[in-house]
C-alpha atoms as a PDB file:
ATOM      1  CA  MET A   1       0.000   0.000   0.000  1.00  0.00           C
ATOM      2  CA  PHE A   2       1.225   3.493  -0.811  1.00  0.00           C
ATOM      3  CA  LYS A   3       1.954   5.861   2.066  1.00  0.00           C
ATOM      4  CA  GLN A   4      -0.411   8.406   0.475  1.00  0.00           C
ATOM      5  CA  TRP A   5      -3.299   5.928   0.903  1.00  0.00           C
ATOM      6  CA  GLU A   6      -2.939   5.646   4.675  1.00  0.00           C
ATOM      7  CA  GLY A   7      -6.283   6.383   6.294  1.00  0.00           C
ATOM      8  CA  PHE A   8      -8.300   5.527   3.188  1.00  0.00           C
ATOM      9  CA  ASN A   9     -10.461   2.432   2.743  1.00  0.00           C
ATOM     10  CA  THR A  10      -8.357   0.427   0.284  1.00  0.00           C
ATOM     11  CA  ASP A  11     -10.925  -2.301  -0.395  1.00  0.00           C
ATOM     12  CA  GLY A  12     -11.968  -2.654  -4.015  1.00  0.00           C
ATOM     13  CA  ASP A  13     -10.529  -2.065  -7.442  1.00  0.00           C
ATOM     14  CA  TRP A  14      -9.722   1.647  -7.103  1.00  0.00           C
ATOM     15  CA  THR A  15      -6.236   0.715  -5.836  1.00  0.00           C
ATOM     16  CA  THR A  16      -5.374  -1.208  -9.022  1.00  0.00           C
ATOM     17  CA  GLU A  17      -7.280   0.723 -11.689  1.00  0.00           C
ATOM     18  CA  VAL A  18      -8.697   4.189 -12.276  1.00  0.00           C
ATOM     19  CA  ASN A  19     -12.058   4.024 -10.553  1.00  0.00           C
ATOM     20  CA  VAL A  20     -12.965   7.395  -9.074  1.00  0.00           C
ATOM     21  CA  ARG A  21     -16.573   6.396  -8.391  1.00  0.00           C
ATOM     22  CA  GLU A  22     -15.521   3.461  -6.227  1.00  0.00           C
ATOM     23  CA  PHE A  23     -12.889   5.527  -4.407  1.00  0.00           C
ATOM     24  CA  ILE A  24     -15.499   8.148  -3.516  1.00  0.00           C
ATOM     25  CA  GLN A  25     -18.102   5.590  -2.468  1.00  0.00           C
ATOM     26  CA  ARG A  26     -15.650   3.794  -0.185  1.00  0.00           C
ATOM     27  CA  ASN A  27     -14.063   6.910   1.313  1.00  0.00           C
ATOM     28  CA  TYR A  28     -16.755   9.578   1.430  1.00  0.00           C
ATOM     29  CA  ALA A  29     -17.841  10.685   4.886  1.00  0.00           C
ATOM     30  CA  PRO A  30     -20.618  13.275   5.251  1.00  0.00           C
ATOM     31  CA  TYR A  31     -19.860  16.440   7.192  1.00  0.00           C
ATOM     32  CA  ASP A  32     -22.708  17.448   9.487  1.00  0.00           C
ATOM     33  CA  GLY A  33     -20.986  20.385  11.181  1.00  0.00           C
ATOM     34  CA  ASP A  34     -21.460  24.057  10.481  1.00  0.00           C
ATOM     35  CA  ASP A  35     -19.372  26.527   8.503  1.00  0.00           C
ATOM     36  CA  ALA A  36     -17.501  27.931  11.513  1.00  0.00           C
ATOM     37  CA  PHE A  37     -14.190  26.558  10.207  1.00  0.00           C
ATOM     38  CA  LEU A  38     -14.360  28.651   7.023  1.00  0.00           C
ATOM     39  CA  ALA A  39     -12.373  31.861   6.787  1.00  0.00           C
ATOM     40  CA  GLY A  40     -13.815  34.977   5.231  1.00  0.00           C
ATOM     41  CA  PRO A  41     -12.444  36.487   2.033  1.00  0.00           C
ATOM     42  CA  THR A  42      -9.071  38.182   2.146  1.00  0.00           C
ATOM     43  CA  GLU A  43      -8.667  41.874   1.337  1.00  0.00           C
ATOM     44  CA  ARG A  44      -7.103  40.870  -1.986  1.00  0.00           C
ATOM     45  CA  THR A  45     -10.065  38.641  -2.845  1.00  0.00           C
ATOM     46  CA  THR A  46     -12.571  41.336  -1.891  1.00  0.00           C
ATOM     47  CA  LYS A  47     -10.731  43.906  -4.016  1.00  0.00           C
ATOM     48  CA  LEU A  48     -10.682  41.518  -6.978  1.00  0.00           C
ATOM     49  CA  TRP A  49     -14.352  40.610  -6.522  1.00  0.00           C
ATOM     50  CA  ASP A  50     -15.275  44.316  -6.516  1.00  0.00           C
ATOM     51  CA  GLN A  51     -13.504  44.663  -9.879  1.00  0.00           C
ATOM     52  CA  VAL A  52     -15.384  41.652 -11.261  1.00  0.00           C
ATOM     53  CA  LEU A  53     -18.723  43.095 -10.139  1.00  0.00           C
ATOM     54  CA  VAL A  54     -17.983  46.332 -12.007  1.00  0.00           C
ATOM     55  CA  MET A  55     -17.062  44.320 -15.102  1.00  0.00           C
ATOM     56  CA  MET A  56     -20.204  42.198 -14.806  1.00  0.00           C
ATOM     57  CA  LYS A  57     -22.414  45.281 -14.495  1.00  0.00           C
ATOM     58  CA  GLU A  58     -20.840  46.628 -17.688  1.00  0.00           C
ATOM     59  CA  GLU A  59     -21.405  43.288 -19.414  1.00  0.00           C
ATOM     60  CA  LEU A  60     -25.068  43.225 -18.395  1.00  0.00           C
ATOM     61  CA  GLU A  61     -25.555  46.792 -19.634  1.00  0.00           C
ATOM     62  CA  LYS A  62     -23.804  46.224 -22.978  1.00  0.00           C
ATOM     63  CA  GLY A  63     -24.922  42.616 -23.431  1.00  0.00           C
ATOM     64  CA  ILE A  64     -21.301  41.552 -23.829  1.00  0.00           C
ATOM     65  CA  TYR A  65     -18.056  42.507 -22.110  1.00  0.00           C
ATOM     66  CA  ASP A  66     -15.444  41.720 -24.734  1.00  0.00           C
ATOM     67  CA  VAL A  67     -15.094  39.593 -27.851  1.00  0.00           C
ATOM     68  CA  GLU A  68     -12.077  38.064 -29.536  1.00  0.00           C
ATOM     69  CA  THR A  69     -12.682  38.468 -33.288  1.00  0.00           C
ATOM     70  CA  LYS A  70      -9.408  37.177 -34.735  1.00  0.00           C
ATOM     71  CA  VAL A  71      -8.819  33.781 -33.067  1.00  0.00           C
ATOM     72  CA  PRO A  72     -11.393  30.997 -33.383  1.00  0.00           C
ATOM     73  CA  SER A  73     -12.301  29.758 -29.925  1.00  0.00           C
ATOM     74  CA  THR A  74     -11.307  26.277 -28.814  1.00  0.00           C
ATOM     75  CA  ILE A  75     -10.478  24.811 -25.435  1.00  0.00           C
ATOM     76  CA  THR A  76      -6.777  25.602 -25.985  1.00  0.00           C
ATOM     77  CA  SER A  77      -6.868  28.631 -28.303  1.00  0.00           C
ATOM     78  CA  HIS A  78      -6.493  31.287 -25.617  1.00  0.00           C
ATOM     79  CA  GLY A  79      -4.022  31.639 -22.798  1.00  0.00           C
ATOM     80  CA  PRO A  80      -5.022  32.499 -19.265  1.00  0.00           C
ATOM     81  CA  GLY A  81      -6.916  35.704 -18.640  1.00  0.00           C
ATOM     82  CA  TYR A  82      -5.911  37.836 -15.707  1.00  0.00           C
ATOM     83  CA  ILE A  83      -8.376  40.026 -13.885  1.00  0.00           C
ATOM     84  CA  GLU A  84      -5.553  41.639 -11.920  1.00  0.00           C
ATOM     85  CA  LEU A  85      -2.119  40.583 -13.165  1.00  0.00           C
ATOM     86  CA  ALA A  86      -0.313  42.350 -10.307  1.00  0.00           C
ATOM     87  CA  ASP A  87      -2.042  40.062  -7.788  1.00  0.00           C
ATOM     88  CA  CYS A  88      -1.364  36.971  -9.936  1.00  0.00           C
ATOM     89  CA  MET A  89      -4.945  35.823  -9.516  1.00  0.00           C
ATOM     90  CA  LEU A  90      -5.610  33.683 -12.549  1.00  0.00           C
ATOM     91  CA  ALA A  91      -8.956  33.133 -14.178  1.00  0.00           C
ATOM     92  CA  ARG A  92     -10.276  32.072 -17.521  1.00  0.00           C
ATOM     93  CA  MET A  93     -12.223  35.261 -18.149  1.00  0.00           C
ATOM     94  CA  HIS A  94     -14.686  33.753 -20.594  1.00  0.00           C
ATOM     95  CA  LEU A  95     -15.702  31.115 -18.031  1.00  0.00           C
ATOM     96  CA  VAL A  96     -15.697  33.542 -15.128  1.00  0.00           C
ATOM     97  CA  SER A  97     -17.761  36.012 -17.130  1.00  0.00           C
ATOM     98  CA  TYR A  98     -20.221  33.334 -18.197  1.00  0.00           C
ATOM     99  CA  PHE A  99     -20.824  31.907 -14.741  1.00  0.00           C
ATOM    100  CA  LEU A 100     -20.939  35.278 -13.003  1.00  0.00           C
ATOM    101  CA  CYS A 101     -23.293  36.624 -15.619  1.00  0.00           C
ATOM    102  CA  CYS A 102     -25.591  33.616 -15.216  1.00  0.00           C
ATOM    103  CA  ASP A 103     -25.554  34.130 -11.455  1.00  0.00           C
ATOM    104  CA  LEU A 104     -26.270  37.866 -11.714  1.00  0.00           C
ATOM    105  CA  VAL A 105     -29.047  37.337 -14.268  1.00  0.00           C
ATOM    106  CA  HIS A 106     -30.578  34.661 -12.065  1.00  0.00           C
ATOM    107  CA  LYS A 107     -30.461  36.958  -9.027  1.00  0.00           C
ATOM    108  CA  HIS A 108     -31.960  39.807 -11.069  1.00  0.00           C
ATOM    109  CA  LYS A 109     -34.824  37.624 -12.351  1.00  0.00           C
ATOM    110  CA  THR A 110     -35.659  36.260  -8.905  1.00  0.00           C
ATOM    111  CA  LYS A 111     -35.987  39.685  -7.220  1.00  0.00           C
END
């Protein structure tokens, strides 16, 4: 048995083949506690989130934030997008924009 597996239930095939489902089923334990162990956002995260909210508001007003018109889009066609390069917080802007926009639209529609 590998040292990294200590503490896990090693019954089953997940130890000899790729079987994520079995690993999860044998090693999942529900957490019934509260969220007291979670830390709040850092100042850097809050600052970044404030920037994203401004960008999302602009996207909702214009219908689109930004469009790449020269490079066809594929899963690997674009490098990483930085919201704030100085903080080295990395995000794929098209995914971030999509999910944040969906969340904001949902919140707007449910008010």
